[in-house]
Amino acid sequence: MAGRKETSKSRRRILNAFIELRSQKDLEKITVVEICERADINKSTFYVYFHDVYDLSRQMQQEIIDRIAASLPDPDNVIKNTTQFTRDILMAYEANKQQIQTMFSGSQSSRLPMMVEAKILDLIHQLHPQIRDPQRLRLVLNYKIYGAYYAFLEDTDMNEMEKIEYISNLAGESSFNA
């Protein structure tokens, strides 16, 4: 049991060191050696958990995506109520804003909507395995997720909640027909 506690403590130290470094520099400029020095661990300990810096980054990004998806009250709203889905996804972005800004900055910025789309598509396929035209669903997801995300990033004089409401209303009540 002590080994398990020490293991999670080491992993947590790696994650914390990486977040500190990632908030200061681009992913491509971070090395395993830097992470290990900052986490005060051996390189071999790093490799117990991760293949490389990119694997570490992908795992942390996936945790954010999973949190976003888990926070959606009803992922089926992408089909049933697109205005509400847009509002929910933007609220999830806002709730995870600091982590998103750190983990999806620089060369990683386009990964967030791509990963959210893949996760939502997977959830919808679980809810509706009978969907006959996944290409139409993918188009709706592209429009809703990418469009809302990039509109949300736009720097305006609106406060965040005003912006979320406005973008959600722009999304309208267009629906997906299986």
C-alpha atoms as a PDB file:
ATOM      1  CA  MET A   1       0.000   0.000   0.000  1.00  0.00           C
ATOM      2  CA  ALA A   2       2.848   2.395   0.756  1.00  0.00           C
ATOM      3  CA  GLY A   3       4.151   1.776  -2.772  1.00  0.00           C
ATOM      4  CA  ARG A   4       0.818   2.799  -4.252  1.00  0.00           C
ATOM      5  CA  LYS A   5       0.794   6.069  -2.288  1.00  0.00           C
ATOM      6  CA  GLU A   6       4.369   6.800  -3.334  1.00  0.00           C
ATOM      7  CA  THR A   7       3.473   5.997  -6.933  1.00  0.00           C
ATOM      8  CA  SER A   8       0.570   8.434  -7.028  1.00  0.00           C
ATOM      9  CA  LYS A   9       2.698  11.028  -5.265  1.00  0.00           C
ATOM     10  CA  SER A  10       5.407  10.691  -7.931  1.00  0.00           C
ATOM     11  CA  ARG A  11       2.891  10.962 -10.738  1.00  0.00           C
ATOM     12  CA  ARG A  12       1.312  14.007  -9.127  1.00  0.00           C
ATOM     13  CA  ARG A  13       4.754  15.628  -8.837  1.00  0.00           C
ATOM     14  CA  ILE A  14       5.355  14.979 -12.536  1.00  0.00           C
ATOM     15  CA  LEU A  15       1.986  16.491 -13.457  1.00  0.00           C
ATOM     16  CA  ASN A  16       2.552  19.552 -11.294  1.00  0.00           C
ATOM     17  CA  ALA A  17       6.055  20.093 -12.696  1.00  0.00           C
ATOM     18  CA  PHE A  18       4.732  19.762 -16.226  1.00  0.00           C
ATOM     19  CA  ILE A  19       1.904  22.238 -15.619  1.00  0.00           C
ATOM     20  CA  GLU A  20       4.366  24.772 -14.223  1.00  0.00           C
ATOM     21  CA  LEU A  21       6.645  24.365 -17.226  1.00  0.00           C
ATOM     22  CA  ARG A  22       3.768  24.311 -19.695  1.00  0.00           C
ATOM     23  CA  SER A  23       2.420  27.590 -18.346  1.00  0.00           C
ATOM     24  CA  GLN A  24       5.800  29.152 -19.121  1.00  0.00           C
ATOM     25  CA  LYS A  25       6.774  27.599 -22.436  1.00  0.00           C
ATOM     26  CA  ASP A  26       5.605  25.796 -25.529  1.00  0.00           C
ATOM     27  CA  LEU A  27       5.241  22.038 -25.368  1.00  0.00           C
ATOM     28  CA  GLU A  28       8.020  21.528 -27.911  1.00  0.00           C
ATOM     29  CA  LYS A  29      10.512  23.294 -25.647  1.00  0.00           C
ATOM     30  CA  ILE A  30       9.898  21.162 -22.558  1.00  0.00           C
ATOM     31  CA  THR A  31      12.214  18.225 -21.894  1.00  0.00           C
ATOM     32  CA  VAL A  32      11.884  15.155 -19.725  1.00  0.00           C
ATOM     33  CA  VAL A  33      15.040  16.254 -17.897  1.00  0.00           C
ATOM     34  CA  GLU A  34      13.424  19.600 -16.968  1.00  0.00           C
ATOM     35  CA  ILE A  35      10.296  17.876 -15.706  1.00  0.00           C
ATOM     36  CA  CYS A  36      12.324  15.413 -13.641  1.00  0.00           C
ATOM     37  CA  GLU A  37      14.486  18.144 -12.134  1.00  0.00           C
ATOM     38  CA  ARG A  38      11.462  20.208 -11.194  1.00  0.00           C
ATOM     39  CA  ALA A  39       9.578  17.168  -9.846  1.00  0.00           C
ATOM     40  CA  ASP A  40      12.710  15.941  -8.040  1.00  0.00           C
ATOM     41  CA  ILE A  41      12.439  12.444  -9.504  1.00  0.00           C
ATOM     42  CA  ASN A  42      14.597  10.159 -11.628  1.00  0.00           C
ATOM     43  CA  LYS A  43      14.018   9.854 -15.353  1.00  0.00           C
ATOM     44  CA  SER A  44      13.163   6.185 -14.861  1.00  0.00           C
ATOM     45  CA  THR A  45      10.239   7.241 -12.645  1.00  0.00           C
ATOM     46  CA  PHE A  46       8.957   9.521 -15.406  1.00  0.00           C
ATOM     47  CA  TYR A  47       9.057   6.635 -17.890  1.00  0.00           C
ATOM     48  CA  VAL A  48       7.005   4.426 -15.567  1.00  0.00           C
ATOM     49  CA  TYR A  49       4.052   6.722 -16.299  1.00  0.00           C
ATOM     50  CA  PHE A  50       4.732   8.311 -19.692  1.00  0.00           C
ATOM     51  CA  HIS A  51       6.517   7.488 -22.945  1.00  0.00           C
ATOM     52  CA  ASP A  52       7.613  11.071 -23.500  1.00  0.00           C
ATOM     53  CA  VAL A  53       6.549  14.689 -22.979  1.00  0.00           C
ATOM     54  CA  TYR A  54       3.936  14.398 -25.749  1.00  0.00           C
ATOM     55  CA  ASP A  55       2.361  11.354 -24.124  1.00  0.00           C
ATOM     56  CA  LEU A  56       2.178  13.269 -20.846  1.00  0.00           C
ATOM     57  CA  SER A  57       0.568  16.208 -22.612  1.00  0.00           C
ATOM     58  CA  ARG A  58      -1.958  13.996 -24.443  1.00  0.00           C
ATOM     59  CA  GLN A  59      -2.964  12.264 -21.213  1.00  0.00           C
ATOM     60  CA  MET A  60      -3.479  15.572 -19.428  1.00  0.00           C
ATOM     61  CA  GLN A  61      -5.427  16.974 -22.370  1.00  0.00           C
ATOM     62  CA  GLN A  62      -7.615  13.872 -22.403  1.00  0.00           C
ATOM     63  CA  GLU A  63      -8.374  14.360 -18.704  1.00  0.00           C
ATOM     64  CA  ILE A  64      -9.639  17.867 -19.497  1.00  0.00           C
ATOM     65  CA  ILE A  65     -11.766  16.551 -22.372  1.00  0.00           C
ATOM     66  CA  ASP A  66     -13.209  13.834 -20.144  1.00  0.00           C
ATOM     67  CA  ARG A  67     -14.064  16.469 -17.501  1.00  0.00           C
ATOM     68  CA  ILE A  68     -15.760  18.633 -20.132  1.00  0.00           C
ATOM     69  CA  ALA A  69     -17.806  15.691 -21.429  1.00  0.00           C
ATOM     70  CA  ALA A  70     -18.716  14.553 -17.909  1.00  0.00           C
ATOM     71  CA  SER A  71     -19.974  18.041 -17.072  1.00  0.00           C
ATOM     72  CA  LEU A  72     -22.488  18.068 -19.941  1.00  0.00           C
ATOM     73  CA  PRO A  73     -25.930  17.485 -18.421  1.00  0.00           C
ATOM     74  CA  ASP A  74     -27.172  15.799 -21.615  1.00  0.00           C
ATOM     75  CA  PRO A  75     -24.777  15.180 -24.523  1.00  0.00           C
ATOM     76  CA  ASP A  76     -27.840  14.151 -26.533  1.00  0.00           C
ATOM     77  CA  ASN A  77     -28.716  17.856 -26.708  1.00  0.00           C
ATOM     78  CA  VAL A  78     -26.416  18.091 -29.712  1.00  0.00           C
ATOM     79  CA  ILE A  79     -29.317  16.373 -31.473  1.00  0.00           C
ATOM     80  CA  LYS A  80     -32.334  17.417 -29.373  1.00  0.00           C
ATOM     81  CA  ASN A  81     -31.576  20.998 -28.351  1.00  0.00           C
ATOM     82  CA  THR A  82     -28.547  22.539 -30.006  1.00  0.00           C
ATOM     83  CA  THR A  83     -28.927  25.876 -28.265  1.00  0.00           C
ATOM     84  CA  GLN A  84     -28.703  24.157 -24.886  1.00  0.00           C
ATOM     85  CA  PHE A  85     -25.832  21.945 -26.091  1.00  0.00           C
ATOM     86  CA  THR A  86     -23.892  25.021 -27.199  1.00  0.00           C
ATOM     87  CA  ARG A  87     -24.548  26.713 -23.858  1.00  0.00           C
ATOM     88  CA  ASP A  88     -23.458  23.574 -21.966  1.00  0.00           C
ATOM     89  CA  ILE A  89     -20.245  23.134 -23.935  1.00  0.00           C
ATOM     90  CA  LEU A  90     -19.312  26.798 -23.543  1.00  0.00           C
ATOM     91  CA  MET A  91     -20.008  26.626 -19.801  1.00  0.00           C
ATOM     92  CA  ALA A  92     -17.713  23.597 -19.650  1.00  0.00           C
ATOM     93  CA  TYR A  93     -15.009  25.546 -21.495  1.00  0.00           C
ATOM     94  CA  GLU A  94     -15.415  28.413 -19.056  1.00  0.00           C
ATOM     95  CA  ALA A  95     -15.224  26.082 -16.028  1.00  0.00           C
ATOM     96  CA  ASN A  96     -11.964  24.608 -17.350  1.00  0.00           C
ATOM     97  CA  LYS A  97     -10.584  27.834 -18.809  1.00  0.00           C
ATOM     98  CA  GLN A  98      -7.306  27.971 -16.900  1.00  0.00           C
ATOM     99  CA  GLN A  99      -6.396  24.351 -17.681  1.00  0.00           C
ATOM    100  CA  ILE A 100      -7.433  24.837 -21.309  1.00  0.00           C
ATOM    101  CA  GLN A 101      -5.286  27.948 -21.644  1.00  0.00           C
ATOM    102  CA  THR A 102      -2.283  26.080 -20.266  1.00  0.00           C
ATOM    103  CA  MET A 103      -2.662  22.687 -21.936  1.00  0.00           C
ATOM    104  CA  PHE A 104      -4.042  23.811 -25.304  1.00  0.00           C
ATOM    105  CA  SER A 105      -1.857  26.821 -26.026  1.00  0.00           C
ATOM    106  CA  GLY A 106       0.575  27.323 -28.869  1.00  0.00           C
ATOM    107  CA  SER A 107       0.809  24.425 -31.304  1.00  0.00           C
ATOM    108  CA  GLN A 108      -1.813  22.558 -29.270  1.00  0.00           C
ATOM    109  CA  SER A 109      -4.606  25.141 -29.662  1.00  0.00           C
ATOM    110  CA  SER A 110      -6.472  23.301 -32.419  1.00  0.00           C
ATOM    111  CA  ARG A 111      -6.509  20.032 -30.456  1.00  0.00           C
ATOM    112  CA  LEU A 112      -9.243  21.079 -28.003  1.00  0.00           C
ATOM    113  CA  PRO A 113     -12.188  21.289 -30.427  1.00  0.00           C
ATOM    114  CA  MET A 114     -10.890  18.234 -32.307  1.00  0.00           C
ATOM    115  CA  MET A 115     -10.751  16.169 -29.109  1.00  0.00           C
ATOM    116  CA  VAL A 116     -14.119  17.474 -27.856  1.00  0.00           C
ATOM    117  CA  GLU A 117     -15.717  16.580 -31.180  1.00  0.00           C
ATOM    118  CA  ALA A 118     -14.300  13.034 -31.054  1.00  0.00           C
ATOM    119  CA  LYS A 119     -15.511  12.568 -27.467  1.00  0.00           C
ATOM    120  CA  ILE A 120     -19.024  13.893 -28.175  1.00  0.00           C
ATOM    121  CA  LEU A 121     -19.248  11.812 -31.352  1.00  0.00           C
ATOM    122  CA  ASP A 122     -18.372   8.734 -29.311  1.00  0.00           C
ATOM    123  CA  LEU A 123     -21.013   9.600 -26.693  1.00  0.00           C
ATOM    124  CA  ILE A 124     -23.672  10.140 -29.374  1.00  0.00           C
ATOM    125  CA  HIS A 125     -22.825   6.825 -31.043  1.00  0.00           C
ATOM    126  CA  GLN A 126     -23.293   5.127 -27.685  1.00  0.00           C
ATOM    127  CA  LEU A 127     -26.673   6.814 -27.236  1.00  0.00           C
ATOM    128  CA  HIS A 128     -27.785   6.354 -30.859  1.00  0.00           C
ATOM    129  CA  PRO A 129     -26.099   3.360 -32.504  1.00  0.00           C
ATOM    130  CA  GLN A 130     -28.853   3.453 -35.146  1.00  0.00           C
ATOM    131  CA  ILE A 131     -27.677   6.751 -36.681  1.00  0.00           C
ATOM    132  CA  ARG A 132     -27.528   6.052 -40.382  1.00  0.00           C
ATOM    133  CA  ASP A 133     -25.603   9.082 -41.551  1.00  0.00           C
ATOM    134  CA  PRO A 134     -22.630   9.773 -39.290  1.00  0.00           C
ATOM    135  CA  GLN A 135     -21.326  12.339 -41.802  1.00  0.00           C
ATOM    136  CA  ARG A 136     -24.281  14.642 -41.119  1.00  0.00           C
ATOM    137  CA  LEU A 137     -23.740  14.263 -37.392  1.00  0.00           C
ATOM    138  CA  ARG A 138     -20.060  15.090 -37.874  1.00  0.00           C
ATOM    139  CA  LEU A 139     -21.021  18.257 -39.796  1.00  0.00           C
ATOM    140  CA  VAL A 140     -23.361  19.352 -37.005  1.00  0.00           C
ATOM    141  CA  LEU A 141     -20.645  18.675 -34.432  1.00  0.00           C
ATOM    142  CA  ASN A 142     -18.058  20.578 -36.468  1.00  0.00           C
ATOM    143  CA  TYR A 143     -20.367  23.552 -36.762  1.00  0.00           C
ATOM    144  CA  LYS A 144     -21.410  23.544 -33.108  1.00  0.00           C
ATOM    145  CA  ILE A 145     -18.103  22.711 -31.468  1.00  0.00           C
ATOM    146  CA  TYR A 146     -15.568  24.493 -33.650  1.00  0.00           C
ATOM    147  CA  GLY A 147     -17.794  27.481 -34.361  1.00  0.00           C
ATOM    148  CA  ALA A 148     -18.805  28.005 -30.755  1.00  0.00           C
ATOM    149  CA  TYR A 149     -15.255  27.468 -29.490  1.00  0.00           C
ATOM    150  CA  TYR A 150     -13.601  29.952 -31.827  1.00  0.00           C
ATOM    151  CA  ALA A 151     -16.393  32.492 -31.325  1.00  0.00           C
ATOM    152  CA  PHE A 152     -15.971  32.061 -27.572  1.00  0.00           C
ATOM    153  CA  LEU A 153     -12.239  32.774 -27.860  1.00  0.00           C
ATOM    154  CA  GLU A 154     -12.954  36.050 -29.616  1.00  0.00           C
ATOM    155  CA  ASP A 155     -11.990  38.945 -27.396  1.00  0.00           C
ATOM    156  CA  THR A 156     -15.014  41.187 -26.986  1.00  0.00           C
ATOM    157  CA  ASP A 157     -16.252  43.684 -24.456  1.00  0.00           C
ATOM    158  CA  MET A 158     -18.912  41.193 -23.360  1.00  0.00           C
ATOM    159  CA  ASN A 159     -18.489  39.391 -20.074  1.00  0.00           C
ATOM    160  CA  GLU A 160     -18.142  35.616 -20.347  1.00  0.00           C
ATOM    161  CA  MET A 161     -21.753  34.801 -19.436  1.00  0.00           C
ATOM    162  CA  GLU A 162     -23.135  37.336 -21.930  1.00  0.00           C
ATOM    163  CA  LYS A 163     -20.890  35.862 -24.597  1.00  0.00           C
ATOM    164  CA  ILE A 164     -22.021  32.307 -23.786  1.00  0.00           C
ATOM    165  CA  GLU A 165     -25.697  33.295 -24.030  1.00  0.00           C
ATOM    166  CA  TYR A 166     -25.177  35.213 -27.255  1.00  0.00           C
ATOM    167  CA  ILE A 167     -23.252  32.408 -28.977  1.00  0.00           C
ATOM    168  CA  SER A 168     -25.753  29.814 -27.727  1.00  0.00           C
ATOM    169  CA  ASN A 169     -28.609  31.808 -29.213  1.00  0.00           C
ATOM    170  CA  LEU A 170     -26.693  32.143 -32.488  1.00  0.00           C
ATOM    171  CA  ALA A 171     -26.502  28.362 -32.582  1.00  0.00           C
ATOM    172  CA  GLY A 172     -30.266  28.386 -32.906  1.00  0.00           C
ATOM    173  CA  GLU A 173     -32.502  25.422 -32.860  1.00  0.00           C
ATOM    174  CA  SER A 174     -31.085  23.691 -35.899  1.00  0.00           C
ATOM    175  CA  SER A 175     -31.401  19.985 -35.411  1.00  0.00           C
ATOM    176  CA  PHE A 176     -29.811  16.820 -36.626  1.00  0.00           C
ATOM    177  CA  ASN A 177     -32.019  14.410 -38.497  1.00  0.00           C
ATOM    178  CA  ALA A 178     -30.739  10.864 -38.380  1.00  0.00           C
END
